[in-house]
PDB file of all heavy atoms in Angstrom:
ATOM      1  N   PRO A   1    -104.515  42.364 -40.071  1.00  0.00           N
ATOM      2  CA  PRO A   1    -105.924  42.063 -39.815  1.00  0.00           C
ATOM      3  C   PRO A   1    -106.801  42.368 -41.023  1.00  0.00           C
ATOM      4  O   PRO A   1    -106.650  43.406 -41.673  1.00  0.00           O
ATOM      5  CB  PRO A   1    -106.270  42.980 -38.634  1.00  0.00           C
ATOM      6  CG  PRO A   1    -104.972  43.137 -37.909  1.00  0.00           C
ATOM      7  CD  PRO A   1    -103.927  43.196 -38.983  1.00  0.00           C
ATOM      8  N   ILE A   2    -107.707  41.451 -41.305  1.00  0.00           N
ATOM      9  CA  ILE A   2    -108.653  41.615 -42.403  1.00  0.00           C
ATOM     10  C   ILE A   2    -109.952  42.156 -41.810  1.00  0.00           C
ATOM     11  O   ILE A   2    -110.616  41.477 -41.023  1.00  0.00           O
ATOM     12  CB  ILE A   2    -108.913  40.285 -43.122  1.00  0.00           C
ATOM     13  CG1 ILE A   2    -107.608  39.757 -43.747  1.00  0.00           C
ATOM     14  CG2 ILE A   2    -109.990  40.445 -44.194  1.00  0.00           C
ATOM     15  CD1 ILE A   2    -107.746  38.367 -44.362  1.00  0.00           C
ATOM     16  N   ALA A   3    -110.298  43.388 -42.191  1.00  0.00           N
ATOM     17  CA  ALA A   3    -111.513  44.019 -41.678  1.00  0.00           C
ATOM     18  C   ALA A   3    -112.544  44.137 -42.795  1.00  0.00           C
ATOM     19  O   ALA A   3    -112.197  44.374 -43.952  1.00  0.00           O
ATOM     20  CB  ALA A   3    -111.198  45.395 -41.099  1.00  0.00           C
ATOM     21  N   PHE A   4    -113.806  43.972 -42.433  1.00  0.00           N
ATOM     22  CA  PHE A   4    -114.869  44.076 -43.436  1.00  0.00           C
ATOM     23  C   PHE A   4    -116.157  44.529 -42.781  1.00  0.00           C
ATOM     24  O   PHE A   4    -116.346  44.383 -41.566  1.00  0.00           O
ATOM     25  CB  PHE A   4    -115.084  42.727 -44.132  1.00  0.00           C
ATOM     26  CG  PHE A   4    -115.513  41.614 -43.211  1.00  0.00           C
ATOM     27  CD1 PHE A   4    -116.865  41.362 -42.962  1.00  0.00           C
ATOM     28  CD2 PHE A   4    -114.569  40.804 -42.575  1.00  0.00           C
ATOM     29  CE1 PHE A   4    -117.259  40.341 -42.113  1.00  0.00           C
ATOM     30  CE2 PHE A   4    -114.959  39.772 -41.724  1.00  0.00           C
ATOM     31  CZ  PHE A   4    -116.311  39.542 -41.490  1.00  0.00           C
ATOM     32  N   ILE A   5    -117.059  45.100 -43.595  1.00  0.00           N
ATOM     33  CA  ILE A   5    -118.383  45.475 -43.120  1.00  0.00           C
ATOM     34  C   ILE A   5    -119.434  44.973 -44.100  1.00  0.00           C
ATOM     35  O   ILE A   5    -119.141  44.749 -45.278  1.00  0.00           O
ATOM     36  CB  ILE A   5    -118.555  46.997 -42.901  1.00  0.00           C
ATOM     37  CG1 ILE A   5    -118.364  47.755 -44.220  1.00  0.00           C
ATOM     38  CG2 ILE A   5    -117.619  47.502 -41.826  1.00  0.00           C
ATOM     39  CD1 ILE A   5    -118.766  49.219 -44.115  1.00  0.00           C
ATOM     40  N   ILE A   6    -120.643  44.803 -43.583  1.00  0.00           N
ATOM     41  CA  ILE A   6    -121.808  44.427 -44.374  1.00  0.00           C
ATOM     42  C   ILE A   6    -122.911  45.403 -43.966  1.00  0.00           C
ATOM     43  O   ILE A   6    -123.381  45.379 -42.830  1.00  0.00           O
ATOM     44  CB  ILE A   6    -122.241  42.981 -44.084  1.00  0.00           C
ATOM     45  CG1 ILE A   6    -121.090  42.010 -44.308  1.00  0.00           C
ATOM     46  CG2 ILE A   6    -123.454  42.594 -44.924  1.00  0.00           C
ATOM     47  CD1 ILE A   6    -121.273  40.669 -43.627  1.00  0.00           C
ATOM     48  N   ARG A   7    -123.287  46.277 -44.862  1.00  0.00           N
ATOM     49  CA  ARG A   7    -124.241  47.324 -44.505  1.00  0.00           C
ATOM     50  C   ARG A   7    -125.666  46.774 -44.398  1.00  0.00           C
ATOM     51  O   ARG A   7    -126.081  45.940 -45.197  1.00  0.00           O
ATOM     52  CB  ARG A   7    -124.192  48.459 -45.531  1.00  0.00           C
ATOM     53  CG  ARG A   7    -122.815  49.130 -45.601  1.00  0.00           C
ATOM     54  CD  ARG A   7    -122.810  50.321 -46.530  1.00  0.00           C
ATOM     55  NE  ARG A   7    -121.448  50.820 -46.703  1.00  0.00           N
ATOM     56  CZ  ARG A   7    -120.852  51.670 -45.884  1.00  0.00           C
ATOM     57  NH1 ARG A   7    -121.506  52.116 -44.824  1.00  0.00           N
ATOM     58  NH2 ARG A   7    -119.622  52.073 -46.103  1.00  0.00           N
ATOM     59  N   ASN A   8    -126.394  47.251 -43.403  1.00  0.00           N
ATOM     60  CA  ASN A   8    -127.823  46.946 -43.274  1.00  0.00           C
ATOM     61  C   ASN A   8    -128.604  47.976 -44.076  1.00  0.00           C
ATOM     62  O   ASN A   8    -128.465  49.184 -43.841  1.00  0.00           O
ATOM     63  CB  ASN A   8    -128.263  46.998 -41.811  1.00  0.00           C
ATOM     64  CG  ASN A   8    -127.666  45.882 -40.982  1.00  0.00           C
ATOM     65  OD1 ASN A   8    -127.443  44.786 -41.474  1.00  0.00           O
ATOM     66  ND2 ASN A   8    -127.408  46.162 -39.714  1.00  0.00           N
ATOM     67  N   SER A   9    -129.388  47.522 -45.024  1.00  0.00           N
ATOM     68  CA  SER A   9    -130.103  48.454 -45.892  1.00  0.00           C
ATOM     69  C   SER A   9    -131.623  48.342 -45.779  1.00  0.00           C
ATOM     70  O   SER A   9    -132.348  49.152 -46.350  1.00  0.00           O
ATOM     71  CB  SER A   9    -129.699  48.219 -47.353  1.00  0.00           C
ATOM     72  OG  SER A   9    -129.973  46.890 -47.751  1.00  0.00           O
ATOM     73  N   ASP A  10    -132.127  47.347 -45.041  1.00  0.00           N
ATOM     74  CA  ASP A  10    -133.573  47.143 -44.967  1.00  0.00           C
ATOM     75  C   ASP A  10    -134.027  46.981 -43.524  1.00  0.00           C
ATOM     76  O   ASP A  10    -134.730  46.033 -43.169  1.00  0.00           O
ATOM     77  CB  ASP A  10    -133.962  45.914 -45.807  1.00  0.00           C
ATOM     78  CG  ASP A  10    -135.472  45.786 -45.996  1.00  0.00           C
ATOM     79  OD1 ASP A  10    -136.174  46.804 -45.847  1.00  0.00           O
ATOM     80  OD2 ASP A  10    -135.938  44.677 -46.279  1.00  0.00           O
ATOM     81  N   GLN A  11    -133.626  47.946 -42.681  1.00  0.00           N
ATOM     82  CA  GLN A  11    -134.040  47.890 -41.280  1.00  0.00           C
ATOM     83  C   GLN A  11    -135.485  48.370 -41.149  1.00  0.00           C
ATOM     84  O   GLN A  11    -135.897  49.306 -41.833  1.00  0.00           O
ATOM     85  CB  GLN A  11    -133.155  48.785 -40.406  1.00  0.00           C
ATOM     86  CG  GLN A  11    -131.668  48.619 -40.631  1.00  0.00           C
ATOM     87  CD  GLN A  11    -131.098  49.685 -41.543  1.00  0.00           C
ATOM     88  OE1 GLN A  11    -131.666  49.971 -42.575  1.00  0.00           O
ATOM     89  NE2 GLN A  11    -129.968  50.257 -41.153  1.00  0.00           N
ATOM     90  N   ARG A  12    -136.221  47.724 -40.284  1.00  0.00           N
ATOM     91  CA  ARG A  12    -137.591  48.166 -39.982  1.00  0.00           C
ATOM     92  C   ARG A  12    -137.803  48.092 -38.477  1.00  0.00           C
ATOM     93  O   ARG A  12    -138.440  47.182 -37.959  1.00  0.00           O
ATOM     94  CB  ARG A  12    -138.617  47.286 -40.700  1.00  0.00           C
ATOM     95  CG  ARG A  12    -138.642  47.441 -42.207  1.00  0.00           C
ATOM     96  CD  ARG A  12    -139.825  46.675 -42.786  1.00  0.00           C
ATOM     97  NE  ARG A  12    -139.755  46.568 -44.218  1.00  0.00           N
ATOM     98  CZ  ARG A  12    -140.613  45.851 -44.954  1.00  0.00           C
ATOM     99  NH1 ARG A  12    -141.587  45.175 -44.349  1.00  0.00           N
ATOM    100  NH2 ARG A  12    -140.490  45.795 -46.264  1.00  0.00           N
ATOM    101  N   THR A  13    -137.251  49.052 -37.795  1.00  0.00           N
ATOM    102  CA  THR A  13    -137.372  49.052 -36.330  1.00  0.00           C
ATOM    103  C   THR A  13    -138.820  49.202 -35.886  1.00  0.00           C
ATOM    104  O   THR A  13    -139.184  48.796 -34.783  1.00  0.00           O
ATOM    105  CB  THR A  13    -136.527  50.176 -35.719  1.00  0.00           C
ATOM    106  OG1 THR A  13    -136.918  51.431 -36.314  1.00  0.00           O
ATOM    107  CG2 THR A  13    -135.041  49.948 -35.989  1.00  0.00           C
ATOM    108  N   ALA A  14    -139.664  49.774 -36.769  1.00  0.00           N
ATOM    109  CA  ALA A  14    -141.075  49.962 -36.426  1.00  0.00           C
ATOM    110  C   ALA A  14    -141.784  48.634 -36.198  1.00  0.00           C
ATOM    111  O   ALA A  14    -142.774  48.564 -35.452  1.00  0.00           O
ATOM    112  CB  ALA A  14    -141.786  50.745 -37.527  1.00  0.00           C
ATOM    113  N   ASP A  15    -141.271  47.557 -36.837  1.00  0.00           N
ATOM    114  CA  ASP A  15    -141.876  46.237 -36.655  1.00  0.00           C
ATOM    115  C   ASP A  15    -141.829  45.787 -35.202  1.00  0.00           C
ATOM    116  O   ASP A  15    -142.613  44.921 -34.784  1.00  0.00           O
ATOM    117  CB  ASP A  15    -141.149  45.198 -37.527  1.00  0.00           C
ATOM    118  CG  ASP A  15    -141.481  45.356 -39.006  1.00  0.00           C
ATOM    119  OD1 ASP A  15    -142.435  46.091 -39.319  1.00  0.00           O
ATOM    120  OD2 ASP A  15    -140.787  44.744 -39.834  1.00  0.00           O
ATOM    121  N   TYR A  16    -140.887  46.360 -34.444  1.00  0.00           N
ATOM    122  CA  TYR A  16    -140.673  45.916 -33.072  1.00  0.00           C
ATOM    123  C   TYR A  16    -141.193  46.913 -32.031  1.00  0.00           C
ATOM    124  O   TYR A  16    -141.071  46.677 -30.841  1.00  0.00           O
ATOM    125  CB  TYR A  16    -139.180  45.683 -32.833  1.00  0.00           C
ATOM    126  CG  TYR A  16    -138.609  44.599 -33.727  1.00  0.00           C
ATOM    127  CD1 TYR A  16    -138.110  44.901 -34.985  1.00  0.00           C
ATOM    128  CD2 TYR A  16    -138.599  43.271 -33.319  1.00  0.00           C
ATOM    129  CE1 TYR A  16    -137.603  43.911 -35.820  1.00  0.00           C
ATOM    130  CE2 TYR A  16    -138.097  42.273 -34.144  1.00  0.00           C
ATOM    131  CZ  TYR A  16    -137.599  42.604 -35.393  1.00  0.00           C
ATOM    132  OH  TYR A  16    -137.106  41.613 -36.215  1.00  0.00           O
ATOM    133  N   LYS A  17    -141.784  48.023 -32.505  1.00  0.00           N
ATOM    134  CA  LYS A  17    -142.217  49.068 -31.583  1.00  0.00           C
ATOM    135  C   LYS A  17    -143.239  48.552 -30.585  1.00  0.00           C
ATOM    136  O   LYS A  17    -143.165  48.826 -29.376  1.00  0.00           O
ATOM    137  CB  LYS A  17    -142.794  50.244 -32.380  1.00  0.00           C
ATOM    138  CG  LYS A  17    -143.099  51.462 -31.519  1.00  0.00           C
ATOM    139  CD  LYS A  17    -143.547  52.632 -32.380  1.00  0.00           C
ATOM    140  CE  LYS A  17    -143.817  53.868 -31.521  1.00  0.00           C
ATOM    141  NZ  LYS A  17    -144.258  55.023 -32.345  1.00  0.00           N
ATOM    142  N   ALA A  18    -144.211  47.776 -31.065  1.00  0.00           N
ATOM    143  CA  ALA A  18    -145.264  47.267 -30.185  1.00  0.00           C
ATOM    144  C   ALA A  18    -144.758  46.208 -29.220  1.00  0.00           C
ATOM    145  O   ALA A  18    -145.415  45.889 -28.228  1.00  0.00           O
ATOM    146  CB  ALA A  18    -146.407  46.693 -31.028  1.00  0.00           C
ATOM    147  N   LEU A  19    -143.564  45.664 -29.494  1.00  0.00           N
ATOM    148  CA  LEU A  19    -143.008  44.590 -28.666  1.00  0.00           C
ATOM    149  C   LEU A  19    -141.927  45.092 -27.717  1.00  0.00           C
ATOM    150  O   LEU A  19    -141.348  44.294 -26.979  1.00  0.00           O
ATOM    151  CB  LEU A  19    -142.417  43.498 -29.562  1.00  0.00           C
ATOM    152  CG  LEU A  19    -143.354  42.877 -30.603  1.00  0.00           C
ATOM    153  CD1 LEU A  19    -142.559  42.005 -31.561  1.00  0.00           C
ATOM    154  CD2 LEU A  19    -144.434  42.059 -29.917  1.00  0.00           C
ATOM    155  N   LYS A  20    -141.657  46.390 -27.740  1.00  0.00           N
ATOM    156  CA  LYS A  20    -140.480  46.938 -27.063  1.00  0.00           C
ATOM    157  C   LYS A  20    -140.382  46.553 -25.594  1.00  0.00           C
ATOM    158  O   LYS A  20    -139.300  46.228 -25.113  1.00  0.00           O
ATOM    159  CB  LYS A  20    -140.463  48.471 -27.197  1.00  0.00           C
ATOM    160  CG  LYS A  20    -139.188  49.098 -26.641  1.00  0.00           C
ATOM    161  CD  LYS A  20    -139.137  50.576 -26.962  1.00  0.00           C
ATOM    162  CE  LYS A  20    -137.887  51.231 -26.370  1.00  0.00           C
ATOM    163  NZ  LYS A  20    -136.644  50.653 -26.897  1.00  0.00           N
ATOM    164  N   ASN A  21    -141.486  46.527 -24.888  1.00  0.00           N
ATOM    165  CA  ASN A  21    -141.449  46.238 -23.449  1.00  0.00           C
ATOM    166  C   ASN A  21    -141.987  44.850 -23.100  1.00  0.00           C
ATOM    167  O   ASN A  21    -142.209  44.551 -21.929  1.00  0.00           O
ATOM    168  CB  ASN A  21    -142.232  47.312 -22.686  1.00  0.00           C
ATOM    169  CG  ASN A  21    -141.578  48.674 -22.791  1.00  0.00           C
ATOM    170  OD1 ASN A  21    -140.374  48.801 -22.598  1.00  0.00           O
ATOM    171  ND2 ASN A  21    -142.362  49.684 -23.121  1.00  0.00           N
ATOM    172  N   SER A  22    -142.186  44.015 -24.127  1.00  0.00           N
ATOM    173  CA  SER A  22    -142.707  42.671 -23.900  1.00  0.00           C
ATOM    174  C   SER A  22    -141.641  41.630 -24.180  1.00  0.00           C
ATOM    175  O   SER A  22    -140.775  41.821 -25.043  1.00  0.00           O
ATOM    176  CB  SER A  22    -143.931  42.417 -24.796  1.00  0.00           C
ATOM    177  OG  SER A  22    -144.965  43.336 -24.515  1.00  0.00           O
ATOM    178  N   PHE A  23    -141.723  40.528 -23.448  1.00  0.00           N
ATOM    179  CA  PHE A  23    -140.762  39.447 -23.630  1.00  0.00           C
ATOM    180  C   PHE A  23    -141.362  38.394 -24.564  1.00  0.00           C
ATOM    181  O   PHE A  23    -142.316  37.693 -24.202  1.00  0.00           O
ATOM    182  CB  PHE A  23    -140.410  38.812 -22.287  1.00  0.00           C
ATOM    183  CG  PHE A  23    -139.828  39.785 -21.297  1.00  0.00           C
ATOM    184  CD1 PHE A  23    -140.395  39.924 -20.034  1.00  0.00           C
ATOM    185  CD2 PHE A  23    -138.738  40.566 -21.625  1.00  0.00           C
ATOM    186  CE1 PHE A  23    -139.865  40.815 -19.110  1.00  0.00           C
ATOM    187  CE2 PHE A  23    -138.198  41.462 -20.715  1.00  0.00           C
ATOM    188  CZ  PHE A  23    -138.765  41.588 -19.453  1.00  0.00           C
ATOM    189  N   ARG A  24    -140.803  38.285 -25.773  1.00  0.00           N
ATOM    190  CA  ARG A  24    -141.294  37.284 -26.725  1.00  0.00           C
ATOM    191  C   ARG A  24    -140.903  35.890 -26.238  1.00  0.00           C
ATOM    192  O   ARG A  24    -139.747  35.654 -25.886  1.00  0.00           O
ATOM    193  CB  ARG A  24    -140.700  37.543 -28.110  1.00  0.00           C
ATOM    194  CG  ARG A  24    -141.167  38.836 -28.760  1.00  0.00           C
ATOM    195  CD  ARG A  24    -140.387  39.143 -30.021  1.00  0.00           C
ATOM    196  NE  ARG A  24    -138.986  39.402 -29.701  1.00  0.00           N
ATOM    197  CZ  ARG A  24    -138.027  39.561 -30.626  1.00  0.00           C
ATOM    198  NH1 ARG A  24    -138.313  39.465 -31.913  1.00  0.00           N
ATOM    199  NH2 ARG A  24    -136.785  39.804 -30.250  1.00  0.00           N
ATOM    200  N   PRO A  25    -141.861  34.945 -26.208  1.00  0.00           N
ATOM    201  CA  PRO A  25    -141.556  33.593 -25.733  1.00  0.00           C
ATOM    202  C   PRO A  25    -140.400  32.956 -26.501  1.00  0.00           C
ATOM    203  O   PRO A  25    -140.340  33.014 -27.729  1.00  0.00           O
ATOM    204  CB  PRO A  25    -142.866  32.838 -25.982  1.00  0.00           C
ATOM    205  CG  PRO A  25    -143.921  33.894 -25.901  1.00  0.00           C
ATOM    206  CD  PRO A  25    -143.293  35.120 -26.508  1.00  0.00           C
ATOM    207  N   SER A  26    -139.464  32.366 -25.741  1.00  0.00           N
ATOM    208  CA  SER A  26    -138.305  31.631 -26.274  1.00  0.00           C
ATOM    209  C   SER A  26    -137.308  32.498 -27.027  1.00  0.00           C
ATOM    210  O   SER A  26    -136.413  31.980 -27.694  1.00  0.00           O
ATOM    211  CB  SER A  26    -138.759  30.464 -27.160  1.00  0.00           C
ATOM    212  OG  SER A  26    -139.362  29.454 -26.376  1.00  0.00           O
ATOM    213  N   HIS A  27    -137.447  33.829 -26.941  1.00  0.00           N
ATOM    214  CA  HIS A  27    -136.447  34.731 -27.498  1.00  0.00           C
ATOM    215  C   HIS A  27    -135.439  35.112 -26.400  1.00  0.00           C
ATOM    216  O   HIS A  27    -135.582  34.729 -25.241  1.00  0.00           O
ATOM    217  CB  HIS A  27    -137.098  36.005 -28.042  1.00  0.00           C
ATOM    218  CG  HIS A  27    -137.697  35.850 -29.396  1.00  0.00           C
ATOM    219  ND1 HIS A  27    -138.873  35.154 -29.619  1.00  0.00           N
ATOM    220  CD2 HIS A  27    -137.297  36.310 -30.604  1.00  0.00           C
ATOM    221  CE1 HIS A  27    -139.173  35.188 -30.908  1.00  0.00           C
ATOM    222  NE2 HIS A  27    -138.229  35.880 -31.530  1.00  0.00           N
ATOM    223  N   ALA A  28    -134.465  35.918 -26.786  1.00  0.00           N
ATOM    224  CA  ALA A  28    -133.453  36.375 -25.834  1.00  0.00           C
ATOM    225  C   ALA A  28    -133.852  37.672 -25.134  1.00  0.00           C
ATOM    226  O   ALA A  28    -133.068  38.228 -24.372  1.00  0.00           O
ATOM    227  CB  ALA A  28    -132.118  36.575 -26.549  1.00  0.00           C
ATOM    228  N   ASP A  29    -135.072  38.150 -25.401  1.00  0.00           N
ATOM    229  CA  ASP A  29    -135.503  39.427 -24.824  1.00  0.00           C
ATOM    230  C   ASP A  29    -135.336  39.460 -23.303  1.00  0.00           C
ATOM    231  O   ASP A  29    -134.757  40.399 -22.744  1.00  0.00           O
ATOM    232  CB  ASP A  29    -136.981  39.682 -25.158  1.00  0.00           C
ATOM    233  CG  ASP A  29    -137.241  39.797 -26.644  1.00  0.00           C
ATOM    234  OD1 ASP A  29    -136.289  40.073 -27.392  1.00  0.00           O
ATOM    235  OD2 ASP A  29    -138.392  39.604 -27.057  1.00  0.00           O
ATOM    236  N   PHE A  30    -135.878  38.449 -22.623  1.00  0.00           N
ATOM    237  CA  PHE A  30    -135.873  38.445 -21.163  1.00  0.00           C
ATOM    238  C   PHE A  30    -134.455  38.346 -20.602  1.00  0.00           C
ATOM    239  O   PHE A  30    -134.073  39.100 -19.704  1.00  0.00           O
ATOM    240  CB  PHE A  30    -136.726  37.296 -20.632  1.00  0.00           C
ATOM    241  CG  PHE A  30    -136.615  37.112 -19.142  1.00  0.00           C
ATOM    242  CD1 PHE A  30    -137.140  38.050 -18.267  1.00  0.00           C
ATOM    243  CD2 PHE A  30    -135.953  36.010 -18.617  1.00  0.00           C
ATOM    244  CE1 PHE A  30    -137.022  37.889 -16.893  1.00  0.00           C
ATOM    245  CE2 PHE A  30    -135.834  35.847 -17.242  1.00  0.00           C
ATOM    246  CZ  PHE A  30    -136.370  36.779 -16.382  1.00  0.00           C
ATOM    247  N   THR A  31    -133.660  37.413 -21.124  1.00  0.00           N
ATOM    248  CA  THR A  31    -132.320  37.222 -20.567  1.00  0.00           C
ATOM    249  C   THR A  31    -131.417  38.422 -20.847  1.00  0.00           C
ATOM    250  O   THR A  31    -130.598  38.807 -19.995  1.00  0.00           O
ATOM    251  CB  THR A  31    -131.677  35.946 -21.129  1.00  0.00           C
ATOM    252  OG1 THR A  31    -131.764  35.942 -22.561  1.00  0.00           O
ATOM    253  CG2 THR A  31    -132.373  34.705 -20.583  1.00  0.00           C
ATOM    254  N   TYR A  32    -131.564  39.047 -22.016  1.00  0.00           N
ATOM    255  CA  TYR A  32    -130.786  40.261 -22.303  1.00  0.00           C
ATOM    256  C   TYR A  32    -131.220  41.398 -21.375  1.00  0.00           C
ATOM    257  O   TYR A  32    -130.384  42.187 -20.914  1.00  0.00           O
ATOM    258  CB  TYR A  32    -130.955  40.666 -23.772  1.00  0.00           C
ATOM    259  CG  TYR A  32    -129.923  40.056 -24.694  1.00  0.00           C
ATOM    260  CD1 TYR A  32    -129.663  38.685 -24.675  1.00  0.00           C
ATOM    261  CD2 TYR A  32    -129.195  40.831 -25.580  1.00  0.00           C
ATOM    262  CE1 TYR A  32    -128.726  38.114 -25.517  1.00  0.00           C
ATOM    263  CE2 TYR A  32    -128.243  40.276 -26.422  1.00  0.00           C
ATOM    264  CZ  TYR A  32    -128.017  38.917 -26.394  1.00  0.00           C
ATOM    265  OH  TYR A  32    -127.072  38.367 -27.227  1.00  0.00           O
ATOM    266  N   TYR A  33    -132.524  41.476 -21.091  1.00  0.00           N
ATOM    267  CA  TYR A  33    -133.033  42.500 -20.187  1.00  0.00           C
ATOM    268  C   TYR A  33    -132.468  42.307 -18.786  1.00  0.00           C
ATOM    269  O   TYR A  33    -132.047  43.269 -18.123  1.00  0.00           O
ATOM    270  CB  TYR A  33    -134.556  42.446 -20.160  1.00  0.00           C
ATOM    271  CG  TYR A  33    -135.190  43.419 -19.195  1.00  0.00           C
ATOM    272  CD1 TYR A  33    -135.291  44.770 -19.511  1.00  0.00           C
ATOM    273  CD2 TYR A  33    -135.697  42.977 -17.975  1.00  0.00           C
ATOM    274  CE1 TYR A  33    -135.877  45.671 -18.626  1.00  0.00           C
ATOM    275  CE2 TYR A  33    -136.287  43.863 -17.084  1.00  0.00           C
ATOM    276  CZ  TYR A  33    -136.372  45.209 -17.417  1.00  0.00           C
ATOM    277  OH  TYR A  33    -136.942  46.094 -16.534  1.00  0.00           O
ATOM    278  N   MET A  34    -132.413  41.065 -18.327  1.00  0.00           N
ATOM    279  CA  MET A  34    -131.891  40.792 -16.994  1.00  0.00           C
ATOM    280  C   MET A  34    -130.392  41.051 -16.909  1.00  0.00           C
ATOM    281  O   MET A  34    -129.885  41.459 -15.868  1.00  0.00           O
ATOM    282  CB  MET A  34    -132.197  39.341 -16.606  1.00  0.00           C
ATOM    283  CG  MET A  34    -133.685  39.040 -16.435  1.00  0.00           C
ATOM    284  SD  MET A  34    -134.497  40.101 -15.202  1.00  0.00           S
ATOM    285  CE  MET A  34    -133.686  39.528 -13.698  1.00  0.00           C
ATOM    286  N   LYS A  35    -129.685  40.816 -17.998  1.00  0.00           N
ATOM    287  CA  LYS A  35    -128.231  41.020 -17.984  1.00  0.00           C
ATOM    288  C   LYS A  35    -127.852  42.495 -18.131  1.00  0.00           C
ATOM    289  O   LYS A  35    -127.003  43.008 -17.399  1.00  0.00           O
ATOM    290  CB  LYS A  35    -127.563  40.227 -19.111  1.00  0.00           C
ATOM    291  CG  LYS A  35    -126.040  40.386 -19.147  1.00  0.00           C
ATOM    292  CD  LYS A  35    -125.393  39.481 -20.177  1.00  0.00           C
ATOM    293  CE  LYS A  35    -123.883  39.678 -20.212  1.00  0.00           C
ATOM    294  NZ  LYS A  35    -123.233  39.294 -18.928  1.00  0.00           N
ATOM    295  N   TYR A  36    -128.512  43.194 -19.083  1.00  0.00           N
ATOM    296  CA  TYR A  36    -128.108  44.562 -19.395  1.00  0.00           C
ATOM    297  C   TYR A  36    -129.015  45.620 -18.789  1.00  0.00           C
ATOM    298  O   TYR A  36    -128.663  46.807 -18.776  1.00  0.00           O
ATOM    299  CB  TYR A  36    -128.037  44.744 -20.917  1.00  0.00           C
ATOM    300  CG  TYR A  36    -127.033  43.829 -21.574  1.00  0.00           C
ATOM    301  CD1 TYR A  36    -127.447  42.747 -22.333  1.00  0.00           C
ATOM    302  CD2 TYR A  36    -125.659  44.040 -21.416  1.00  0.00           C
ATOM    303  CE1 TYR A  36    -126.533  41.891 -22.930  1.00  0.00           C
ATOM    304  CE2 TYR A  36    -124.735  43.194 -22.008  1.00  0.00           C
ATOM    305  CZ  TYR A  36    -125.177  42.116 -22.771  1.00  0.00           C
ATOM    306  OH  TYR A  36    -124.274  41.267 -23.359  1.00  0.00           O
ATOM    307  N   GLY A  37    -130.204  45.234 -18.306  1.00  0.00           N
ATOM    308  CA  GLY A  37    -131.100  46.191 -17.676  1.00  0.00           C
ATOM    309  C   GLY A  37    -131.754  47.154 -18.629  1.00  0.00           C
ATOM    310  O   GLY A  37    -132.254  48.211 -18.213  1.00  0.00           O
ATOM    311  N   LEU A  38    -131.766  46.825 -19.907  1.00  0.00           N
ATOM    312  CA  LEU A  38    -132.357  47.696 -20.919  1.00  0.00           C
ATOM    313  C   LEU A  38    -133.433  46.951 -21.684  1.00  0.00           C
ATOM    314  O   LEU A  38    -133.352  45.735 -21.869  1.00  0.00           O
ATOM    315  CB  LEU A  38    -131.279  48.174 -21.909  1.00  0.00           C
ATOM    316  CG  LEU A  38    -130.108  48.960 -21.316  1.00  0.00           C
ATOM    317  CD1 LEU A  38    -129.035  49.166 -22.373  1.00  0.00           C
ATOM    318  CD2 LEU A  38    -130.585  50.301 -20.764  1.00  0.00           C
TER     319      LEU A  38
END
């Protein structure tokens, strides 16, 4: 098996803080929430 990683070096989770409990139109937010409950 060929295994590899690609490191994330420019994460900005703060960009999403204000959106944490809102469902962005046409995104997967709502369907993921309904499936995983988170």
